[in-house]
Amino acid sequence: LAIVFVSSEDGRAVEPPAPVLARLR
C-alpha cells in the first residue's frame, strides 16, 4: 500500500504533522 497525507481543506498532498512524522521515524 501507498498512502498519502492530504490536506482536508484543499486536497493537496502535505508533509505528515510533525508529531506523527517523529513517531513514524
mmCIF file of all heavy atoms, coordinates in Angstrom:
data_MODEL
# 
_entry.id   MODEL 
# 
loop_
_atom_site.group_PDB 
_atom_site.id 
_atom_site.type_symbol 
_atom_site.label_atom_id 
_atom_site.label_alt_id 
_atom_site.label_comp_id 
_atom_site.label_asym_id 
_atom_site.label_entity_id 
_atom_site.label_seq_id 
_atom_site.pdbx_PDB_ins_code 
_atom_site.Cartn_x 
_atom_site.Cartn_y 
_atom_site.Cartn_z 
_atom_site.occupancy 
_atom_site.B_iso_or_equiv 
_atom_site.pdbx_formal_charge 
_atom_site.auth_seq_id 
_atom_site.auth_comp_id 
_atom_site.auth_asym_id 
_atom_site.auth_atom_id 
_atom_site.pdbx_PDB_model_num 
ATOM 1   N N   . LEU A 1 1  ? 0.830   -1.198 0.000  1.00 0.00 ? 1  LEU A N   1 
ATOM 2   C CA  . LEU A 1 1  ? 0.000   0.000  0.000  1.00 0.00 ? 1  LEU A CA  1 
ATOM 3   C C   . LEU A 1 1  ? 0.865   1.248  0.000  1.00 0.00 ? 1  LEU A C   1 
ATOM 4   O O   . LEU A 1 1  ? 1.937   1.260  0.606  1.00 0.00 ? 1  LEU A O   1 
ATOM 5   C CB  . LEU A 1 1  ? -0.880  0.053  1.254  1.00 0.00 ? 1  LEU A CB  1 
ATOM 6   C CG  . LEU A 1 1  ? -2.005  -0.949 1.424  1.00 0.00 ? 1  LEU A CG  1 
ATOM 7   C CD1 . LEU A 1 1  ? -1.482  -2.304 1.816  1.00 0.00 ? 1  LEU A CD1 1 
ATOM 8   C CD2 . LEU A 1 1  ? -2.966  -0.447 2.478  1.00 0.00 ? 1  LEU A CD2 1 
ATOM 9   N N   . ALA A 1 2  ? 0.372   2.270  -0.649 1.00 0.00 ? 2  ALA A N   1 
ATOM 10  C CA  . ALA A 1 2  ? 0.961   3.607  -0.549 1.00 0.00 ? 2  ALA A CA  1 
ATOM 11  C C   . ALA A 1 2  ? -0.162  4.533  -0.118 1.00 0.00 ? 2  ALA A C   1 
ATOM 12  O O   . ALA A 1 2  ? -1.219  4.582  -0.749 1.00 0.00 ? 2  ALA A O   1 
ATOM 13  C CB  . ALA A 1 2  ? 1.541   4.053  -1.881 1.00 0.00 ? 2  ALA A CB  1 
ATOM 14  N N   . ILE A 1 3  ? 0.055   5.216  0.998  1.00 0.00 ? 3  ILE A N   1 
ATOM 15  C CA  . ILE A 1 3  ? -0.921  6.203  1.448  1.00 0.00 ? 3  ILE A CA  1 
ATOM 16  C C   . ILE A 1 3  ? -0.277  7.586  1.422  1.00 0.00 ? 3  ILE A C   1 
ATOM 17  O O   . ILE A 1 3  ? 0.939   7.707  1.528  1.00 0.00 ? 3  ILE A O   1 
ATOM 18  C CB  . ILE A 1 3  ? -1.495  5.884  2.848  1.00 0.00 ? 3  ILE A CB  1 
ATOM 19  C CG1 . ILE A 1 3  ? -0.416  5.924  3.919  1.00 0.00 ? 3  ILE A CG1 1 
ATOM 20  C CG2 . ILE A 1 3  ? -2.195  4.536  2.848  1.00 0.00 ? 3  ILE A CG2 1 
ATOM 21  C CD1 . ILE A 1 3  ? -0.984  5.867  5.321  1.00 0.00 ? 3  ILE A CD1 1 
ATOM 22  N N   . VAL A 1 4  ? -1.109  8.583  1.263  1.00 0.00 ? 4  VAL A N   1 
ATOM 23  C CA  . VAL A 1 4  ? -0.631  9.955  1.139  1.00 0.00 ? 4  VAL A CA  1 
ATOM 24  C C   . VAL A 1 4  ? -1.264  10.803 2.232  1.00 0.00 ? 4  VAL A C   1 
ATOM 25  O O   . VAL A 1 4  ? -2.439  10.627 2.564  1.00 0.00 ? 4  VAL A O   1 
ATOM 26  C CB  . VAL A 1 4  ? -1.007  10.535 -0.248 1.00 0.00 ? 4  VAL A CB  1 
ATOM 27  C CG1 . VAL A 1 4  ? -0.493  11.948 -0.396 1.00 0.00 ? 4  VAL A CG1 1 
ATOM 28  C CG2 . VAL A 1 4  ? -0.473  9.661  -1.349 1.00 0.00 ? 4  VAL A CG2 1 
ATOM 29  N N   . PHE A 1 5  ? -0.491  11.709 2.780  1.00 0.00 ? 5  PHE A N   1 
ATOM 30  C CA  . PHE A 1 5  ? -1.024  12.698 3.717  1.00 0.00 ? 5  PHE A CA  1 
ATOM 31  C C   . PHE A 1 5  ? -1.570  13.850 2.877  1.00 0.00 ? 5  PHE A C   1 
ATOM 32  O O   . PHE A 1 5  ? -0.842  14.408 2.049  1.00 0.00 ? 5  PHE A O   1 
ATOM 33  C CB  . PHE A 1 5  ? 0.066   13.194 4.674  1.00 0.00 ? 5  PHE A CB  1 
ATOM 34  C CG  . PHE A 1 5  ? 0.530   12.127 5.614  1.00 0.00 ? 5  PHE A CG  1 
ATOM 35  C CD1 . PHE A 1 5  ? 1.588   11.290 5.279  1.00 0.00 ? 5  PHE A CD1 1 
ATOM 36  C CD2 . PHE A 1 5  ? -0.101  11.931 6.832  1.00 0.00 ? 5  PHE A CD2 1 
ATOM 37  C CE1 . PHE A 1 5  ? 2.016   10.286 6.131  1.00 0.00 ? 5  PHE A CE1 1 
ATOM 38  C CE2 . PHE A 1 5  ? 0.317   10.937 7.700  1.00 0.00 ? 5  PHE A CE2 1 
ATOM 39  C CZ  . PHE A 1 5  ? 1.380   10.107 7.345  1.00 0.00 ? 5  PHE A CZ  1 
ATOM 40  N N   . VAL A 1 6  ? -2.828  14.179 3.084  1.00 0.00 ? 6  VAL A N   1 
ATOM 41  C CA  . VAL A 1 6  ? -3.517  15.161 2.255  1.00 0.00 ? 6  VAL A CA  1 
ATOM 42  C C   . VAL A 1 6  ? -4.234  16.166 3.148  1.00 0.00 ? 6  VAL A C   1 
ATOM 43  O O   . VAL A 1 6  ? -4.848  15.792 4.147  1.00 0.00 ? 6  VAL A O   1 
ATOM 44  C CB  . VAL A 1 6  ? -4.536  14.447 1.326  1.00 0.00 ? 6  VAL A CB  1 
ATOM 45  C CG1 . VAL A 1 6  ? -5.409  15.431 0.588  1.00 0.00 ? 6  VAL A CG1 1 
ATOM 46  C CG2 . VAL A 1 6  ? -3.815  13.526 0.352  1.00 0.00 ? 6  VAL A CG2 1 
ATOM 47  N N   . SER A 1 7  ? -4.183  17.426 2.763  1.00 0.00 ? 7  SER A N   1 
ATOM 48  C CA  . SER A 1 7  ? -4.922  18.469 3.466  1.00 0.00 ? 7  SER A CA  1 
ATOM 49  C C   . SER A 1 7  ? -6.416  18.221 3.275  1.00 0.00 ? 7  SER A C   1 
ATOM 50  O O   . SER A 1 7  ? -6.886  18.058 2.147  1.00 0.00 ? 7  SER A O   1 
ATOM 51  C CB  . SER A 1 7  ? -4.549  19.846 2.907  1.00 0.00 ? 7  SER A CB  1 
ATOM 52  O OG  . SER A 1 7  ? -5.492  20.810 3.326  1.00 0.00 ? 7  SER A OG  1 
ATOM 53  N N   . SER A 1 8  ? -7.151  18.207 4.369  1.00 0.00 ? 8  SER A N   1 
ATOM 54  C CA  . SER A 1 8  ? -8.606  18.041 4.258  1.00 0.00 ? 8  SER A CA  1 
ATOM 55  C C   . SER A 1 8  ? -9.274  19.327 3.789  1.00 0.00 ? 8  SER A C   1 
ATOM 56  O O   . SER A 1 8  ? -10.441 19.324 3.445  1.00 0.00 ? 8  SER A O   1 
ATOM 57  C CB  . SER A 1 8  ? -9.207  17.583 5.595  1.00 0.00 ? 8  SER A CB  1 
ATOM 58  O OG  . SER A 1 8  ? -9.009  18.558 6.599  1.00 0.00 ? 8  SER A OG  1 
ATOM 59  N N   . GLU A 1 9  ? -8.511  20.401 3.755  1.00 0.00 ? 9  GLU A N   1 
ATOM 60  C CA  . GLU A 1 9  ? -9.078  21.682 3.322  1.00 0.00 ? 9  GLU A CA  1 
ATOM 61  C C   . GLU A 1 9  ? -9.006  21.869 1.815  1.00 0.00 ? 9  GLU A C   1 
ATOM 62  O O   . GLU A 1 9  ? -9.951  22.355 1.199  1.00 0.00 ? 9  GLU A O   1 
ATOM 63  C CB  . GLU A 1 9  ? -8.367  22.830 4.038  1.00 0.00 ? 9  GLU A CB  1 
ATOM 64  C CG  . GLU A 1 9  ? -8.623  22.829 5.534  1.00 0.00 ? 9  GLU A CG  1 
ATOM 65  C CD  . GLU A 1 9  ? -7.839  23.887 6.270  1.00 0.00 ? 9  GLU A CD  1 
ATOM 66  O OE1 . GLU A 1 9  ? -6.871  24.442 5.722  1.00 0.00 ? 9  GLU A OE1 1 
ATOM 67  O OE2 . GLU A 1 9  ? -8.213  24.156 7.429  1.00 0.00 ? 9  GLU A OE2 1 
ATOM 68  N N   . ASP A 1 10 ? -7.873  21.502 1.202  1.00 0.00 ? 10 ASP A N   1 
ATOM 69  C CA  . ASP A 1 10 ? -7.745  21.758 -0.241 1.00 0.00 ? 10 ASP A CA  1 
ATOM 70  C C   . ASP A 1 10 ? -7.347  20.526 -1.051 1.00 0.00 ? 10 ASP A C   1 
ATOM 71  O O   . ASP A 1 10 ? -7.188  20.608 -2.267 1.00 0.00 ? 10 ASP A O   1 
ATOM 72  C CB  . ASP A 1 10 ? -6.772  22.904 -0.514 1.00 0.00 ? 10 ASP A CB  1 
ATOM 73  C CG  . ASP A 1 10 ? -5.350  22.621 -0.063 1.00 0.00 ? 10 ASP A CG  1 
ATOM 74  O OD1 . ASP A 1 10 ? -5.018  21.446 0.218  1.00 0.00 ? 10 ASP A OD1 1 
ATOM 75  O OD2 . ASP A 1 10 ? -4.557  23.580 0.003  1.00 0.00 ? 10 ASP A OD2 1 
ATOM 76  N N   . GLY A 1 11 ? -7.167  19.373 -0.404 1.00 0.00 ? 11 GLY A N   1 
ATOM 77  C CA  . GLY A 1 11 ? -6.890  18.142 -1.119 1.00 0.00 ? 11 GLY A CA  1 
ATOM 78  C C   . GLY A 1 11 ? -5.474  17.988 -1.632 1.00 0.00 ? 11 GLY A C   1 
ATOM 79  O O   . GLY A 1 11 ? -5.175  17.046 -2.360 1.00 0.00 ? 11 GLY A O   1 
ATOM 80  N N   . ARG A 1 12 ? -4.583  18.883 -1.245 1.00 0.00 ? 12 ARG A N   1 
ATOM 81  C CA  . ARG A 1 12 ? -3.187  18.789 -1.694 1.00 0.00 ? 12 ARG A CA  1 
ATOM 82  C C   . ARG A 1 12 ? -2.385  17.869 -0.774 1.00 0.00 ? 12 ARG A C   1 
ATOM 83  O O   . ARG A 1 12 ? -2.620  17.819 0.424  1.00 0.00 ? 12 ARG A O   1 
ATOM 84  C CB  . ARG A 1 12 ? -2.533  20.166 -1.698 1.00 0.00 ? 12 ARG A CB  1 
ATOM 85  C CG  . ARG A 1 12 ? -3.099  21.086 -2.731 1.00 0.00 ? 12 ARG A CG  1 
ATOM 86  C CD  . ARG A 1 12 ? -2.334  22.378 -2.741 1.00 0.00 ? 12 ARG A CD  1 
ATOM 87  N NE  . ARG A 1 12 ? -3.053  23.357 -3.554 1.00 0.00 ? 12 ARG A NE  1 
ATOM 88  C CZ  . ARG A 1 12 ? -2.610  24.556 -3.811 1.00 0.00 ? 12 ARG A CZ  1 
ATOM 89  N NH1 . ARG A 1 12 ? -1.459  24.961 -3.308 1.00 0.00 ? 12 ARG A NH1 1 
ATOM 90  N NH2 . ARG A 1 12 ? -3.315  25.378 -4.547 1.00 0.00 ? 12 ARG A NH2 1 
ATOM 91  N N   . ALA A 1 13 ? -1.409  17.190 -1.375 1.00 0.00 ? 13 ALA A N   1 
ATOM 92  C CA  . ALA A 1 13 ? -0.501  16.367 -0.583 1.00 0.00 ? 13 ALA A CA  1 
ATOM 93  C C   . ALA A 1 13 ? 0.329   17.273 0.315  1.00 0.00 ? 13 ALA A C   1 
ATOM 94  O O   . ALA A 1 13 ? 0.791   18.331 -0.119 1.00 0.00 ? 13 ALA A O   1 
ATOM 95  C CB  . ALA A 1 13 ? 0.406   15.554 -1.494 1.00 0.00 ? 13 ALA A CB  1 
ATOM 96  N N   . VAL A 1 14 ? 0.485   16.854 1.574  1.00 0.00 ? 14 VAL A N   1 
ATOM 97  C CA  . VAL A 1 14 ? 1.234   17.639 2.558  1.00 0.00 ? 14 VAL A CA  1 
ATOM 98  C C   . VAL A 1 14 ? 2.162   16.716 3.334  1.00 0.00 ? 14 VAL A C   1 
ATOM 99  O O   . VAL A 1 14 ? 1.993   15.492 3.334  1.00 0.00 ? 14 VAL A O   1 
ATOM 100 C CB  . VAL A 1 14 ? 0.290   18.369 3.552  1.00 0.00 ? 14 VAL A CB  1 
ATOM 101 C CG1 . VAL A 1 14 ? -0.579  19.384 2.832  1.00 0.00 ? 14 VAL A CG1 1 
ATOM 102 C CG2 . VAL A 1 14 ? -0.570  17.376 4.328  1.00 0.00 ? 14 VAL A CG2 1 
ATOM 103 N N   . GLU A 1 15 ? 3.138   17.305 4.005  1.00 0.00 ? 15 GLU A N   1 
ATOM 104 C CA  . GLU A 1 15 ? 4.001   16.523 4.882  1.00 0.00 ? 15 GLU A CA  1 
ATOM 105 C C   . GLU A 1 15 ? 3.179   16.063 6.087  1.00 0.00 ? 15 GLU A C   1 
ATOM 106 O O   . GLU A 1 15 ? 2.243   16.758 6.505  1.00 0.00 ? 15 GLU A O   1 
ATOM 107 C CB  . GLU A 1 15 ? 5.184   17.369 5.329  1.00 0.00 ? 15 GLU A CB  1 
ATOM 108 C CG  . GLU A 1 15 ? 6.125   17.693 4.185  1.00 0.00 ? 15 GLU A CG  1 
ATOM 109 C CD  . GLU A 1 15 ? 7.347   18.493 4.631  1.00 0.00 ? 15 GLU A CD  1 
ATOM 110 O OE1 . GLU A 1 15 ? 7.508   18.735 5.839  1.00 0.00 ? 15 GLU A OE1 1 
ATOM 111 O OE2 . GLU A 1 15 ? 8.139   18.859 3.745  1.00 0.00 ? 15 GLU A OE2 1 
ATOM 112 N N   . PRO A 1 16 ? 3.535   14.923 6.662  1.00 0.00 ? 16 PRO A N   1 
ATOM 113 C CA  . PRO A 1 16 ? 2.831   14.481 7.869  1.00 0.00 ? 16 PRO A CA  1 
ATOM 114 C C   . PRO A 1 16 ? 3.006   15.517 8.982  1.00 0.00 ? 16 PRO A C   1 
ATOM 115 O O   . PRO A 1 16 ? 4.050   16.186 9.046  1.00 0.00 ? 16 PRO A O   1 
ATOM 116 C CB  . PRO A 1 16 ? 3.525   13.174 8.251  1.00 0.00 ? 16 PRO A CB  1 
ATOM 117 C CG  . PRO A 1 16 ? 4.327   12.771 7.073  1.00 0.00 ? 16 PRO A CG  1 
ATOM 118 C CD  . PRO A 1 16 ? 4.600   14.005 6.275  1.00 0.00 ? 16 PRO A CD  1 
ATOM 119 N N   . PRO A 1 17 ? 2.030   15.654 9.866  1.00 0.00 ? 17 PRO A N   1 
ATOM 120 C CA  . PRO A 1 17 ? 2.203   16.544 11.015 1.00 0.00 ? 17 PRO A CA  1 
ATOM 121 C C   . PRO A 1 17 ? 3.460   16.143 11.795 1.00 0.00 ? 17 PRO A C   1 
ATOM 122 O O   . PRO A 1 17 ? 3.798   14.959 11.880 1.00 0.00 ? 17 PRO A O   1 
ATOM 123 C CB  . PRO A 1 17 ? 0.939   16.300 11.844 1.00 0.00 ? 17 PRO A CB  1 
ATOM 124 C CG  . PRO A 1 17 ? -0.064  15.767 10.857 1.00 0.00 ? 17 PRO A CG  1 
ATOM 125 C CD  . PRO A 1 17 ? 0.726   14.993 9.849  1.00 0.00 ? 17 PRO A CD  1 
ATOM 126 N N   . ALA A 1 18 ? 4.165   17.127 12.340 1.00 0.00 ? 18 ALA A N   1 
ATOM 127 C CA  . ALA A 1 18 ? 5.460   16.895 12.996 1.00 0.00 ? 18 ALA A CA  1 
ATOM 128 C C   . ALA A 1 18 ? 5.427   15.774 14.035 1.00 0.00 ? 18 ALA A C   1 
ATOM 129 O O   . ALA A 1 18 ? 6.300   14.898 14.018 1.00 0.00 ? 18 ALA A O   1 
ATOM 130 C CB  . ALA A 1 18 ? 5.987   18.199 13.598 1.00 0.00 ? 18 ALA A CB  1 
ATOM 131 N N   . PRO A 1 19 ? 4.442   15.734 14.961 1.00 0.00 ? 19 PRO A N   1 
ATOM 132 C CA  . PRO A 1 19 ? 4.466   14.648 15.944 1.00 0.00 ? 19 PRO A CA  1 
ATOM 133 C C   . PRO A 1 19 ? 4.215   13.274 15.314 1.00 0.00 ? 19 PRO A C   1 
ATOM 134 O O   . PRO A 1 19 ? 4.756   12.269 15.774 1.00 0.00 ? 19 PRO A O   1 
ATOM 135 C CB  . PRO A 1 19 ? 3.363   15.006 16.940 1.00 0.00 ? 19 PRO A CB  1 
ATOM 136 C CG  . PRO A 1 19 ? 2.605   16.139 16.352 1.00 0.00 ? 19 PRO A CG  1 
ATOM 137 C CD  . PRO A 1 19 ? 3.400   16.723 15.245 1.00 0.00 ? 19 PRO A CD  1 
ATOM 138 N N   . VAL A 1 20 ? 3.432   13.242 14.261 1.00 0.00 ? 20 VAL A N   1 
ATOM 139 C CA  . VAL A 1 20 ? 3.165   11.985 13.550 1.00 0.00 ? 20 VAL A CA  1 
ATOM 140 C C   . VAL A 1 20 ? 4.442   11.524 12.850 1.00 0.00 ? 20 VAL A C   1 
ATOM 141 O O   . VAL A 1 20 ? 4.832   10.351 12.954 1.00 0.00 ? 20 VAL A O   1 
ATOM 142 C CB  . VAL A 1 20 ? 2.003   12.163 12.544 1.00 0.00 ? 20 VAL A CB  1 
ATOM 143 C CG1 . VAL A 1 20 ? 1.845   10.942 11.649 1.00 0.00 ? 20 VAL A CG1 1 
ATOM 144 C CG2 . VAL A 1 20 ? 0.700   12.485 13.287 1.00 0.00 ? 20 VAL A CG2 1 
ATOM 145 N N   . LEU A 1 21 ? 5.107   12.434 12.179 1.00 0.00 ? 21 LEU A N   1 
ATOM 146 C CA  . LEU A 1 21 ? 6.350   12.110 11.486 1.00 0.00 ? 21 LEU A CA  1 
ATOM 147 C C   . LEU A 1 21 ? 7.412   11.612 12.468 1.00 0.00 ? 21 LEU A C   1 
ATOM 148 O O   . LEU A 1 21 ? 8.113   10.630 12.210 1.00 0.00 ? 21 LEU A O   1 
ATOM 149 C CB  . LEU A 1 21 ? 6.862   13.317 10.707 1.00 0.00 ? 21 LEU A CB  1 
ATOM 150 C CG  . LEU A 1 21 ? 8.144   13.107 9.904  1.00 0.00 ? 21 LEU A CG  1 
ATOM 151 C CD1 . LEU A 1 21 ? 7.987   11.976 8.902  1.00 0.00 ? 21 LEU A CD1 1 
ATOM 152 C CD2 . LEU A 1 21 ? 8.547   14.410 9.219  1.00 0.00 ? 21 LEU A CD2 1 
ATOM 153 N N   . ALA A 1 22 ? 7.527   12.281 13.609 1.00 0.00 ? 22 ALA A N   1 
ATOM 154 C CA  . ALA A 1 22 ? 8.517   11.871 14.618 1.00 0.00 ? 22 ALA A CA  1 
ATOM 155 C C   . ALA A 1 22 ? 8.240   10.445 15.090 1.00 0.00 ? 22 ALA A C   1 
ATOM 156 O O   . ALA A 1 22 ? 9.175   9.632  15.220 1.00 0.00 ? 22 ALA A O   1 
ATOM 157 C CB  . ALA A 1 22 ? 8.503   12.843 15.793 1.00 0.00 ? 22 ALA A CB  1 
ATOM 158 N N   . ARG A 1 23 ? 6.995   10.118 15.327 1.00 0.00 ? 23 ARG A N   1 
ATOM 159 C CA  . ARG A 1 23 ? 6.646   8.765  15.795 1.00 0.00 ? 23 ARG A CA  1 
ATOM 160 C C   . ARG A 1 23 ? 6.883   7.732  14.698 1.00 0.00 ? 23 ARG A C   1 
ATOM 161 O O   . ARG A 1 23 ? 7.394   6.634  14.961 1.00 0.00 ? 23 ARG A O   1 
ATOM 162 C CB  . ARG A 1 23 ? 5.201   8.738  16.282 1.00 0.00 ? 23 ARG A CB  1 
ATOM 163 C CG  . ARG A 1 23 ? 4.773   7.411  16.807 1.00 0.00 ? 23 ARG A CG  1 
ATOM 164 C CD  . ARG A 1 23 ? 5.551   7.010  18.060 1.00 0.00 ? 23 ARG A CD  1 
ATOM 165 N NE  . ARG A 1 23 ? 5.129   5.690  18.474 1.00 0.00 ? 23 ARG A NE  1 
ATOM 166 C CZ  . ARG A 1 23 ? 5.940   4.740  18.892 1.00 0.00 ? 23 ARG A CZ  1 
ATOM 167 N NH1 . ARG A 1 23 ? 7.228   4.975  19.034 1.00 0.00 ? 23 ARG A NH1 1 
ATOM 168 N NH2 . ARG A 1 23 ? 5.472   3.563  19.218 1.00 0.00 ? 23 ARG A NH2 1 
ATOM 169 N N   . LEU A 1 24 ? 6.535   8.059  13.458 1.00 0.00 ? 24 LEU A N   1 
ATOM 170 C CA  . LEU A 1 24 ? 6.778   7.142  12.344 1.00 0.00 ? 24 LEU A CA  1 
ATOM 171 C C   . LEU A 1 24 ? 8.266   6.864  12.195 1.00 0.00 ? 24 LEU A C   1 
ATOM 172 O O   . LEU A 1 24 ? 8.672   5.713  11.998 1.00 0.00 ? 24 LEU A O   1 
ATOM 173 C CB  . LEU A 1 24 ? 6.194   7.709  11.048 1.00 0.00 ? 24 LEU A CB  1 
ATOM 174 C CG  . LEU A 1 24 ? 4.671   7.749  10.956 1.00 0.00 ? 24 LEU A CG  1 
ATOM 175 C CD1 . LEU A 1 24 ? 4.236   8.623  9.790  1.00 0.00 ? 24 LEU A CD1 1 
ATOM 176 C CD2 . LEU A 1 24 ? 4.110   6.334  10.838 1.00 0.00 ? 24 LEU A CD2 1 
ATOM 177 N N   . ARG A 1 25 ? 9.081   7.903  12.285 1.00 0.00 ? 25 ARG A N   1 
ATOM 178 C CA  . ARG A 1 25 ? 10.534  7.713  12.190 1.00 0.00 ? 25 ARG A CA  1 
ATOM 179 C C   . ARG A 1 25 ? 11.060  6.850  13.322 1.00 0.00 ? 25 ARG A C   1 
ATOM 180 O O   . ARG A 1 25 ? 11.940  6.009  13.125 1.00 0.00 ? 25 ARG A O   1 
ATOM 181 C CB  . ARG A 1 25 ? 11.233  9.072  12.162 1.00 0.00 ? 25 ARG A CB  1 
ATOM 182 C CG  . ARG A 1 25 ? 11.087  9.764  10.824 1.00 0.00 ? 25 ARG A CG  1 
ATOM 183 C CD  . ARG A 1 25 ? 11.863  11.044 10.751 1.00 0.00 ? 25 ARG A CD  1 
ATOM 184 N NE  . ARG A 1 25 ? 11.803  11.622 9.426  1.00 0.00 ? 25 ARG A NE  1 
ATOM 185 C CZ  . ARG A 1 25 ? 11.868  12.925 9.173  1.00 0.00 ? 25 ARG A CZ  1 
ATOM 186 N NH1 . ARG A 1 25 ? 12.034  13.787 10.167 1.00 0.00 ? 25 ARG A NH1 1 
ATOM 187 N NH2 . ARG A 1 25 ? 11.780  13.346 7.938  1.00 0.00 ? 25 ARG A NH2 1 
# 
